[in-house]
């Protein structure tokens, strides 16, 4: 998710739309199922989440540095909010797909 375009609404809108409209491959459902049966996979999931969150923070920090956002934007809180929104939407979609399929 890039925030250097200056149109941050469009960046967030595009990310949400991508989560909602992408075809369901079942990979996330399989991954979540595997983690419930094999706790040794949990650290990998945490590493993936940490990497994505850090990338969001870097992109937001660049937007702040370029003057594309409020100068006092809380980068960590905003990144976490965006990440949580997209993660929750994706989980709901995965669960809905599992119950209908």
C-alpha atoms as a PDB file:
ATOM      1  CA  UNK A   1       0.000   0.000   0.000  1.00  0.00           C
ATOM      2  CA  UNK A   2       1.597   3.220  -1.203  1.00  0.00           C
ATOM      3  CA  UNK A   3       0.877   6.592   0.376  1.00  0.00           C
ATOM      4  CA  UNK A   4       3.126   8.789  -1.749  1.00  0.00           C
ATOM      5  CA  UNK A   5       0.503   9.507  -4.416  1.00  0.00           C
ATOM      6  CA  UNK A   6      -1.116  12.149  -2.231  1.00  0.00           C
ATOM      7  CA  UNK A   7      -4.527  10.516  -2.571  1.00  0.00           C
ATOM      8  CA  UNK A   8      -4.587   8.460   0.625  1.00  0.00           C
ATOM      9  CA  UNK A   9      -8.310   7.808   0.430  1.00  0.00           C
ATOM     10  CA  UNK A  10      -7.722   6.085  -2.914  1.00  0.00           C
ATOM     11  CA  UNK A  11      -4.824   4.038  -1.487  1.00  0.00           C
ATOM     12  CA  UNK A  12      -6.961   2.689   1.361  1.00  0.00           C
ATOM     13  CA  UNK A  13      -9.998   2.258  -0.897  1.00  0.00           C
ATOM     14  CA  UNK A  14      -7.938   0.242  -3.399  1.00  0.00           C
ATOM     15  CA  UNK A  15      -6.564  -2.012  -0.659  1.00  0.00           C
ATOM     16  CA  UNK A  16     -10.012  -2.687   0.816  1.00  0.00           C
ATOM     17  CA  UNK A  17     -11.468  -3.312  -2.633  1.00  0.00           C
ATOM     18  CA  UNK A  18      -8.651  -5.734  -3.451  1.00  0.00           C
ATOM     19  CA  UNK A  19      -9.340  -7.722  -0.274  1.00  0.00           C
ATOM     20  CA  UNK A  20     -13.058  -7.882  -0.983  1.00  0.00           C
ATOM     21  CA  UNK A  21     -12.888  -8.644  -4.706  1.00  0.00           C
ATOM     22  CA  UNK A  22      -9.912 -10.943  -5.072  1.00  0.00           C
ATOM     23  CA  UNK A  23     -10.793 -14.537  -5.843  1.00  0.00           C
ATOM     24  CA  UNK A  24     -10.751 -16.800  -2.803  1.00  0.00           C
ATOM     25  CA  UNK A  25      -7.977 -19.362  -3.253  1.00  0.00           C
ATOM     26  CA  UNK A  26      -8.491 -21.135   0.042  1.00  0.00           C
ATOM     27  CA  UNK A  27      -4.823 -20.697   0.921  1.00  0.00           C
ATOM     28  CA  UNK A  28      -5.577 -18.528   3.931  1.00  0.00           C
ATOM     29  CA  UNK A  29      -8.209 -20.982   5.127  1.00  0.00           C
ATOM     30  CA  UNK A  30      -5.694 -23.837   4.852  1.00  0.00           C
ATOM     31  CA  UNK A  31      -3.009 -21.784   6.611  1.00  0.00           C
ATOM     32  CA  UNK A  32      -5.353 -20.920   9.499  1.00  0.00           C
ATOM     33  CA  UNK A  33      -6.397 -24.557   9.802  1.00  0.00           C
ATOM     34  CA  UNK A  34      -2.775 -25.716   9.814  1.00  0.00           C
ATOM     35  CA  UNK A  35      -1.910 -23.255  12.587  1.00  0.00           C
ATOM     36  CA  UNK A  36      -4.653 -24.694  14.809  1.00  0.00           C
ATOM     37  CA  UNK A  37      -3.150 -28.167  14.427  1.00  0.00           C
ATOM     38  CA  UNK A  38       0.531 -27.242  14.443  1.00  0.00           C
ATOM     39  CA  UNK A  39       1.442 -24.518  16.964  1.00  0.00           C
ATOM     40  CA  UNK A  40       4.998 -24.489  15.586  1.00  0.00           C
ATOM     41  CA  UNK A  41       3.638 -22.461  12.634  1.00  0.00           C
ATOM     42  CA  UNK A  42       2.450 -19.583  14.822  1.00  0.00           C
ATOM     43  CA  UNK A  43       5.867 -17.849  14.888  1.00  0.00           C
ATOM     44  CA  UNK A  44       5.860 -17.817  11.085  1.00  0.00           C
ATOM     45  CA  UNK A  45       2.452 -16.157  11.069  1.00  0.00           C
ATOM     46  CA  UNK A  46       3.709 -13.605  13.579  1.00  0.00           C
ATOM     47  CA  UNK A  47       6.759 -12.903  11.406  1.00  0.00           C
ATOM     48  CA  UNK A  48       4.543 -12.383   8.349  1.00  0.00           C
ATOM     49  CA  UNK A  49       2.251 -10.023  10.258  1.00  0.00           C
ATOM     50  CA  UNK A  50       5.236  -8.119  11.664  1.00  0.00           C
ATOM     51  CA  UNK A  51       6.758  -7.748   8.176  1.00  0.00           C
ATOM     52  CA  UNK A  52       3.517  -6.426   6.648  1.00  0.00           C
ATOM     53  CA  UNK A  53       2.957  -4.024   9.531  1.00  0.00           C
ATOM     54  CA  UNK A  54       6.542  -2.720   9.285  1.00  0.00           C
ATOM     55  CA  UNK A  55       6.097  -2.138   5.546  1.00  0.00           C
ATOM     56  CA  UNK A  56       2.910  -0.167   6.191  1.00  0.00           C
ATOM     57  CA  UNK A  57       4.727   1.896   8.819  1.00  0.00           C
ATOM     58  CA  UNK A  58       7.600   2.626   6.396  1.00  0.00           C
ATOM     59  CA  UNK A  59       5.193   3.738   3.673  1.00  0.00           C
ATOM     60  CA  UNK A  60       3.265   5.952   6.079  1.00  0.00           C
ATOM     61  CA  UNK A  61       6.498   7.430   7.463  1.00  0.00           C
ATOM     62  CA  UNK A  62       7.560   8.293   3.900  1.00  0.00           C
ATOM     63  CA  UNK A  63       4.224  10.003   3.316  1.00  0.00           C
ATOM     64  CA  UNK A  64       4.695  12.035   6.514  1.00  0.00           C
ATOM     65  CA  UNK A  65       8.269  12.941   5.490  1.00  0.00           C
ATOM     66  CA  UNK A  66       7.026  14.139   2.083  1.00  0.00           C
ATOM     67  CA  UNK A  67       4.327  16.258   3.701  1.00  0.00           C
ATOM     68  CA  UNK A  68       1.563  14.091   2.236  1.00  0.00           C
ATOM     69  CA  UNK A  69      -0.220  13.584   5.576  1.00  0.00           C
ATOM     70  CA  UNK A  70      -0.808  15.438   8.794  1.00  0.00           C
ATOM     71  CA  UNK A  71       2.601  16.241  10.255  1.00  0.00           C
ATOM     72  CA  UNK A  72       1.612  14.763  13.621  1.00  0.00           C
ATOM     73  CA  UNK A  73       0.145  11.536  12.196  1.00  0.00           C
ATOM     74  CA  UNK A  74       0.695   8.626  14.581  1.00  0.00           C
ATOM     75  CA  UNK A  75       2.349   6.301  12.072  1.00  0.00           C
ATOM     76  CA  UNK A  76       2.308   3.192  14.279  1.00  0.00           C
ATOM     77  CA  UNK A  77      -1.353   3.561  15.277  1.00  0.00           C
ATOM     78  CA  UNK A  78      -2.449   4.326  11.710  1.00  0.00           C
ATOM     79  CA  UNK A  79      -0.523   1.367  10.298  1.00  0.00           C
ATOM     80  CA  UNK A  80      -2.036  -0.916  12.925  1.00  0.00           C
ATOM     81  CA  UNK A  81      -5.545   0.382  12.187  1.00  0.00           C
ATOM     82  CA  UNK A  82      -5.152  -0.175   8.432  1.00  0.00           C
ATOM     83  CA  UNK A  83      -3.591  -3.605   8.953  1.00  0.00           C
ATOM     84  CA  UNK A  84      -6.340  -4.625  11.375  1.00  0.00           C
ATOM     85  CA  UNK A  85      -9.063  -3.460   8.989  1.00  0.00           C
ATOM     86  CA  UNK A  86      -7.660  -5.419   6.055  1.00  0.00           C
ATOM     87  CA  UNK A  87      -6.906  -8.487   8.186  1.00  0.00           C
ATOM     88  CA  UNK A  88     -10.413  -8.524   9.664  1.00  0.00           C
ATOM     89  CA  UNK A  89     -12.031  -8.127   6.239  1.00  0.00           C
ATOM     90  CA  UNK A  90      -9.911 -10.940   4.886  1.00  0.00           C
ATOM     91  CA  UNK A  91     -10.719 -13.230   7.835  1.00  0.00           C
ATOM     92  CA  UNK A  92     -14.447 -12.575   7.515  1.00  0.00           C
ATOM     93  CA  UNK A  93     -14.266 -13.309   3.817  1.00  0.00           C
ATOM     94  CA  UNK A  94     -12.321 -16.513   4.465  1.00  0.00           C
ATOM     95  CA  UNK A  95     -14.839 -17.668   7.064  1.00  0.00           C
ATOM     96  CA  UNK A  96     -17.804 -16.785   4.841  1.00  0.00           C
ATOM     97  CA  UNK A  97     -16.233 -18.702   1.978  1.00  0.00           C
ATOM     98  CA  UNK A  98     -15.618 -21.723   4.218  1.00  0.00           C
ATOM     99  CA  UNK A  99     -19.197 -21.824   5.471  1.00  0.00           C
ATOM    100  CA  UNK A 100     -20.686 -21.526   1.985  1.00  0.00           C
ATOM    101  CA  UNK A 101     -18.367 -23.994   0.310  1.00  0.00           C
END
